[in-house]
N, C-alpha and C. Protein backbone atom coordinates (compact mmCIF):
# COMPACT_ATOMS: atom_id res chain seq x y z
N MET A 1 0.81 -1.18 0.00
CA MET A 1 0.00 0.00 0.00
C MET A 1 0.86 1.25 0.00
N VAL A 2 2.05 1.08 -0.25
CA VAL A 2 2.94 2.23 -0.20
C VAL A 2 2.73 3.15 -1.40
N GLY A 3 2.52 2.65 -2.55
CA GLY A 3 2.43 3.48 -3.73
C GLY A 3 0.99 3.79 -4.12
N PHE A 4 0.05 3.78 -3.20
CA PHE A 4 -1.35 3.99 -3.52
C PHE A 4 -1.65 5.47 -3.70
N ARG A 5 -2.36 5.81 -4.78
CA ARG A 5 -2.79 7.19 -5.01
C ARG A 5 -4.29 7.19 -5.15
N GLN A 6 -4.89 8.23 -4.69
CA GLN A 6 -6.35 8.33 -4.82
C GLN A 6 -6.72 8.61 -6.26
N LYS A 7 -7.74 7.90 -6.75
CA LYS A 7 -8.22 8.13 -8.09
C LYS A 7 -9.47 9.00 -8.09
N TRP A 8 -9.95 9.42 -6.96
CA TRP A 8 -11.14 10.24 -6.88
C TRP A 8 -10.89 11.42 -5.98
N VAL A 9 -11.72 12.45 -6.16
CA VAL A 9 -11.56 13.65 -5.34
C VAL A 9 -12.82 13.79 -4.50
N GLN A 10 -12.64 14.01 -3.22
CA GLN A 10 -13.77 14.12 -2.32
C GLN A 10 -14.47 15.46 -2.52
N ASP A 11 -15.81 15.43 -2.50
CA ASP A 11 -16.60 16.66 -2.60
C ASP A 11 -16.49 17.41 -1.30
N LEU A 12 -16.10 18.64 -1.35
CA LEU A 12 -15.97 19.46 -0.14
C LEU A 12 -16.78 20.73 -0.31
N PRO A 13 -17.18 21.36 0.79
CA PRO A 13 -17.90 22.63 0.67
C PRO A 13 -16.98 23.69 0.07
N PRO A 14 -17.57 24.69 -0.58
CA PRO A 14 -16.73 25.74 -1.13
C PRO A 14 -16.03 26.52 -0.02
N ALA A 15 -15.02 27.21 -0.40
CA ALA A 15 -14.29 28.00 0.61
C ALA A 15 -15.22 29.07 1.17
N GLY A 16 -15.26 29.21 2.46
CA GLY A 16 -16.14 30.18 3.11
C GLY A 16 -17.50 29.58 3.45
N GLY A 17 -17.77 28.38 3.02
CA GLY A 17 -19.02 27.69 3.34
C GLY A 17 -20.13 27.98 2.34
N PHE A 18 -21.23 27.28 2.52
CA PHE A 18 -22.40 27.48 1.67
C PHE A 18 -23.13 28.75 2.09
N PRO A 19 -23.88 29.39 1.17
CA PRO A 19 -24.64 30.57 1.57
C PRO A 19 -25.79 30.17 2.50
N LYS A 20 -26.25 31.12 3.32
CA LYS A 20 -27.33 30.86 4.28
C LYS A 20 -28.63 30.60 3.53
N LEU A 21 -29.38 29.65 4.01
CA LEU A 21 -30.68 29.34 3.43
C LEU A 21 -31.76 30.16 4.14
N THR A 22 -32.68 30.72 3.38
CA THR A 22 -33.79 31.45 3.99
C THR A 22 -34.97 30.48 4.08
N TYR A 23 -35.26 30.06 5.26
CA TYR A 23 -36.34 29.12 5.47
C TYR A 23 -37.46 29.72 6.31
N ALA A 24 -37.34 30.98 6.66
CA ALA A 24 -38.38 31.63 7.45
C ALA A 24 -39.60 31.87 6.58
N ARG A 25 -40.76 31.98 7.22
CA ARG A 25 -42.01 32.23 6.49
C ARG A 25 -42.01 33.68 6.03
N THR A 26 -42.16 33.86 4.73
CA THR A 26 -42.06 35.21 4.20
C THR A 26 -43.41 35.79 3.80
N SER A 27 -44.41 34.94 3.57
CA SER A 27 -45.72 35.48 3.18
C SER A 27 -46.78 35.01 4.17
N THR A 28 -47.80 35.82 4.33
CA THR A 28 -48.90 35.45 5.21
C THR A 28 -50.01 34.82 4.38
N SER A 29 -50.89 34.13 5.04
CA SER A 29 -52.01 33.49 4.35
C SER A 29 -52.97 34.56 3.84
N PRO A 30 -53.45 34.45 2.61
CA PRO A 30 -54.34 35.47 2.08
C PRO A 30 -55.74 35.42 2.70
N ILE A 31 -56.13 34.27 3.29
CA ILE A 31 -57.46 34.13 3.90
C ILE A 31 -57.28 33.86 5.39
N SER A 32 -57.96 34.63 6.20
CA SER A 32 -57.82 34.44 7.64
C SER A 32 -58.73 33.30 8.10
N GLY A 33 -58.48 32.80 9.28
CA GLY A 33 -59.28 31.71 9.84
C GLY A 33 -60.72 32.13 10.09
N ALA A 34 -60.90 33.38 10.51
CA ALA A 34 -62.26 33.87 10.77
C ALA A 34 -63.09 33.90 9.49
N SER A 35 -62.48 34.29 8.38
CA SER A 35 -63.24 34.34 7.12
C SER A 35 -63.56 32.93 6.63
N ILE A 36 -62.67 31.98 6.83
CA ILE A 36 -62.96 30.59 6.48
C ILE A 36 -64.12 30.08 7.32
N PHE A 37 -64.09 30.35 8.62
CA PHE A 37 -65.16 29.93 9.52
C PHE A 37 -66.48 30.56 9.11
N ALA A 38 -66.47 31.84 8.79
CA ALA A 38 -67.70 32.52 8.38
C ALA A 38 -68.24 31.95 7.07
N GLY A 39 -67.37 31.65 6.14
CA GLY A 39 -67.80 31.08 4.86
C GLY A 39 -68.41 29.70 5.04
N VAL A 40 -67.77 28.85 5.83
CA VAL A 40 -68.30 27.51 6.07
C VAL A 40 -69.64 27.60 6.80
N PHE A 41 -69.74 28.48 7.79
CA PHE A 41 -70.99 28.64 8.53
C PHE A 41 -72.10 29.10 7.59
N THR A 42 -71.80 30.03 6.69
CA THR A 42 -72.81 30.53 5.75
C THR A 42 -73.29 29.42 4.82
N VAL A 43 -72.36 28.66 4.28
CA VAL A 43 -72.73 27.57 3.37
C VAL A 43 -73.58 26.53 4.10
N MET A 44 -73.21 26.20 5.34
CA MET A 44 -73.99 25.22 6.09
C MET A 44 -75.38 25.76 6.44
N ALA A 45 -75.47 27.03 6.77
CA ALA A 45 -76.77 27.62 7.10
C ALA A 45 -77.69 27.62 5.88
N ILE A 46 -77.15 27.97 4.72
CA ILE A 46 -77.97 27.97 3.51
C ILE A 46 -78.40 26.54 3.16
N GLY A 47 -77.50 25.59 3.28
CA GLY A 47 -77.85 24.19 3.00
C GLY A 47 -78.91 23.66 3.95
N THR A 48 -78.80 24.01 5.23
CA THR A 48 -79.80 23.58 6.21
C THR A 48 -81.15 24.20 5.90
N TYR A 49 -81.17 25.47 5.51
CA TYR A 49 -82.42 26.15 5.17
C TYR A 49 -83.08 25.47 3.97
N ILE A 50 -82.31 25.19 2.94
CA ILE A 50 -82.86 24.54 1.75
C ILE A 50 -83.39 23.15 2.09
N PHE A 51 -82.65 22.42 2.92
CA PHE A 51 -83.07 21.07 3.30
C PHE A 51 -84.41 21.09 4.03
N PHE A 52 -84.54 21.98 5.03
CA PHE A 52 -85.77 22.00 5.81
C PHE A 52 -86.95 22.56 5.02
N GLU A 53 -86.71 23.49 4.12
CA GLU A 53 -87.79 23.97 3.26
C GLU A 53 -88.31 22.83 2.39
N ASP A 54 -87.40 22.05 1.82
CA ASP A 54 -87.81 20.91 0.99
C ASP A 54 -88.52 19.86 1.83
N LYS A 55 -88.05 19.66 3.07
CA LYS A 55 -88.67 18.66 3.94
C LYS A 55 -90.11 19.06 4.27
N ILE A 56 -90.36 20.32 4.51
CA ILE A 56 -91.72 20.80 4.79
C ILE A 56 -92.61 20.56 3.58
N LYS A 57 -92.11 20.85 2.39
CA LYS A 57 -92.90 20.64 1.17
C LYS A 57 -93.18 19.15 0.95
N ARG A 58 -92.16 18.31 1.17
CA ARG A 58 -92.36 16.87 0.99
C ARG A 58 -93.39 16.33 1.98
N ASN A 59 -93.31 16.78 3.25
CA ASN A 59 -94.28 16.32 4.25
C ASN A 59 -95.69 16.75 3.88
N ALA A 60 -95.84 17.97 3.36
CA ALA A 60 -97.17 18.44 2.96
C ALA A 60 -97.70 17.59 1.80
N ARG A 61 -96.85 17.27 0.84
CA ARG A 61 -97.29 16.42 -0.28
C ARG A 61 -97.67 15.03 0.18
N GLU A 62 -96.87 14.46 1.09
CA GLU A 62 -97.17 13.12 1.61
C GLU A 62 -98.48 13.12 2.39
N GLU A 63 -98.72 14.16 3.18
CA GLU A 63 -99.96 14.26 3.95
C GLU A 63 -101.16 14.37 3.01
N GLU A 64 -101.03 15.16 1.97
CA GLU A 64 -102.11 15.28 0.99
C GLU A 64 -102.36 13.93 0.31
N GLU A 65 -101.29 13.22 -0.03
CA GLU A 65 -101.43 11.91 -0.67
C GLU A 65 -102.14 10.93 0.26
N LYS A 66 -101.80 10.94 1.55
CA LYS A 66 -102.45 10.05 2.52
C LYS A 66 -103.93 10.38 2.64
N ARG A 67 -104.27 11.67 2.72
CA ARG A 67 -105.67 12.06 2.81
C ARG A 67 -106.44 11.63 1.56
N ARG A 68 -105.84 11.83 0.40
CA ARG A 68 -106.49 11.47 -0.85
C ARG A 68 -106.71 9.96 -0.93
N LEU A 69 -105.70 9.17 -0.55
CA LEU A 69 -105.85 7.71 -0.59
C LEU A 69 -106.84 7.21 0.46
N SER A 70 -106.88 7.85 1.63
CA SER A 70 -107.83 7.41 2.65
C SER A 70 -109.27 7.66 2.23
N MET A 71 -109.51 8.66 1.36
CA MET A 71 -110.86 8.92 0.88
C MET A 71 -111.26 7.94 -0.23
N ILE A 72 -110.33 7.52 -1.04
CA ILE A 72 -110.66 6.67 -2.18
C ILE A 72 -110.48 5.18 -1.86
N LEU A 73 -109.80 4.85 -0.76
CA LEU A 73 -109.52 3.46 -0.44
C LEU A 73 -110.78 2.62 -0.25
N PRO A 74 -111.83 3.06 0.43
CA PRO A 74 -113.02 2.21 0.55
C PRO A 74 -113.64 1.87 -0.81
N ILE A 75 -113.62 2.80 -1.74
CA ILE A 75 -114.17 2.54 -3.08
C ILE A 75 -113.33 1.48 -3.78
N LEU A 76 -112.01 1.61 -3.70
CA LEU A 76 -111.12 0.63 -4.34
C LEU A 76 -111.26 -0.75 -3.69
N GLN A 77 -111.41 -0.77 -2.37
CA GLN A 77 -111.57 -2.05 -1.68
C GLN A 77 -112.88 -2.71 -2.06
N ALA A 78 -113.95 -1.94 -2.15
CA ALA A 78 -115.24 -2.50 -2.55
C ALA A 78 -115.18 -3.05 -3.97
N GLU A 79 -114.52 -2.32 -4.86
CA GLU A 79 -114.38 -2.81 -6.23
C GLU A 79 -113.59 -4.10 -6.28
N ASN A 80 -112.53 -4.18 -5.48
CA ASN A 80 -111.73 -5.40 -5.43
C ASN A 80 -112.55 -6.55 -4.86
N ASP A 81 -113.35 -6.30 -3.83
CA ASP A 81 -114.20 -7.35 -3.26
C ASP A 81 -115.22 -7.85 -4.27
N ILE A 82 -115.83 -6.94 -5.04
CA ILE A 82 -116.81 -7.34 -6.05
C ILE A 82 -116.14 -8.20 -7.11
N ASN A 83 -114.97 -7.81 -7.55
CA ASN A 83 -114.25 -8.61 -8.55
C ASN A 83 -113.87 -9.98 -8.01
N PHE A 84 -113.48 -10.05 -6.75
CA PHE A 84 -113.10 -11.33 -6.15
C PHE A 84 -114.31 -12.24 -6.03
N LEU A 85 -115.41 -11.69 -5.55
CA LEU A 85 -116.60 -12.52 -5.37
C LEU A 85 -117.21 -12.94 -6.70
N ALA A 86 -117.05 -12.16 -7.74
CA ALA A 86 -117.59 -12.50 -9.05
C ALA A 86 -116.76 -13.57 -9.74
N SER A 87 -115.50 -13.71 -9.36
CA SER A 87 -114.63 -14.68 -10.02
C SER A 87 -114.81 -16.05 -9.38
N PRO A 88 -114.59 -17.12 -10.14
CA PRO A 88 -114.68 -18.46 -9.54
C PRO A 88 -113.44 -18.70 -8.68
N HIS A 89 -113.67 -19.03 -7.45
CA HIS A 89 -112.55 -19.30 -6.55
C HIS A 89 -112.91 -20.46 -5.65
N GLN A 90 -111.89 -21.07 -5.09
CA GLN A 90 -112.10 -22.21 -4.21
C GLN A 90 -111.82 -21.79 -2.79
N ASN A 91 -112.43 -22.49 -1.88
CA ASN A 91 -112.15 -22.26 -0.48
C ASN A 91 -110.86 -23.00 -0.15
N VAL A 92 -109.88 -22.29 0.27
CA VAL A 92 -108.59 -22.92 0.57
C VAL A 92 -108.50 -23.43 2.00
N TYR A 93 -109.53 -23.17 2.78
CA TYR A 93 -109.51 -23.57 4.18
C TYR A 93 -110.36 -24.83 4.35
N TYR A 94 -109.76 -25.99 4.18
CA TYR A 94 -110.46 -27.26 4.36
C TYR A 94 -110.20 -27.76 5.77
N THR A 95 -110.73 -27.12 6.72
CA THR A 95 -110.55 -27.52 8.11
C THR A 95 -111.91 -27.66 8.76
N ARG A 96 -111.94 -28.32 9.87
CA ARG A 96 -113.16 -28.40 10.64
C ARG A 96 -112.90 -27.77 11.99
N TRP A 97 -113.96 -27.34 12.62
CA TRP A 97 -113.81 -26.68 13.91
C TRP A 97 -113.48 -27.70 14.97
N MET A 98 -112.52 -27.36 15.82
CA MET A 98 -112.17 -28.24 16.93
C MET A 98 -112.19 -27.41 18.20
N PRO A 99 -112.72 -27.97 19.26
CA PRO A 99 -112.74 -27.21 20.52
C PRO A 99 -111.32 -27.03 21.04
N PRO A 100 -111.08 -25.98 21.81
CA PRO A 100 -109.73 -25.77 22.36
C PRO A 100 -109.34 -26.92 23.28
N GLN A 101 -108.07 -27.27 23.23
CA GLN A 101 -107.56 -28.37 24.04
C GLN A 101 -107.25 -27.87 25.44
N THR A 102 -107.91 -28.42 26.42
CA THR A 102 -107.66 -28.01 27.80
C THR A 102 -107.48 -29.23 28.67
N GLY A 103 -106.81 -29.02 29.74
CA GLY A 103 -106.68 -30.06 30.76
C GLY A 103 -105.83 -31.23 30.33
N LYS A 104 -106.29 -32.47 30.68
CA LYS A 104 -105.51 -33.68 30.46
C LYS A 104 -105.35 -34.00 28.97
N ARG A 105 -106.35 -33.66 28.17
CA ARG A 105 -106.25 -33.94 26.73
C ARG A 105 -105.10 -33.14 26.10
N ALA A 106 -104.95 -31.88 26.50
CA ALA A 106 -103.89 -31.04 25.95
C ALA A 106 -102.52 -31.58 26.35
N VAL A 107 -102.38 -31.99 27.62
CA VAL A 107 -101.12 -32.53 28.10
C VAL A 107 -100.78 -33.81 27.36
N ALA A 108 -101.78 -34.66 27.12
CA ALA A 108 -101.55 -35.92 26.41
C ALA A 108 -101.13 -35.66 24.96
N LEU A 109 -101.78 -34.68 24.33
CA LEU A 109 -101.42 -34.36 22.95
C LEU A 109 -100.02 -33.78 22.85
N LEU A 110 -99.65 -32.96 23.82
CA LEU A 110 -98.32 -32.35 23.81
C LEU A 110 -97.24 -33.41 24.08
N ARG A 111 -97.59 -34.41 24.90
CA ARG A 111 -96.63 -35.44 25.22
C ARG A 111 -96.34 -36.30 23.97
N ASP A 112 -97.34 -36.46 23.12
CA ASP A 112 -97.16 -37.28 21.92
C ASP A 112 -96.26 -36.59 20.89
N LEU A 113 -96.13 -35.29 20.97
CA LEU A 113 -95.27 -34.57 20.02
C LEU A 113 -93.86 -34.88 20.36
């Protein structure tokens, strides 16, 4: 290692050092926090107003629809009953009446299950 020479040159800072970096904040924000808060509050207030105005109108329409249907529903039901009775249909209830199970008979029937 006696005859070794460097084949590269190390990077060093320039004489006198590097110039100072300016990292301080130089400009202020163009919009203040109070104006952002006021803008957001205004947008939310207008949105809430529009929402509740629409909700009142929708409720009024739904109430009118309910009143209208409650007046016409008996007529529609009667028409449906007439159509059902006029059509040929079968009785789907093929059962006979049985007295309610009480006392020992009920216990015996439950035991058989």
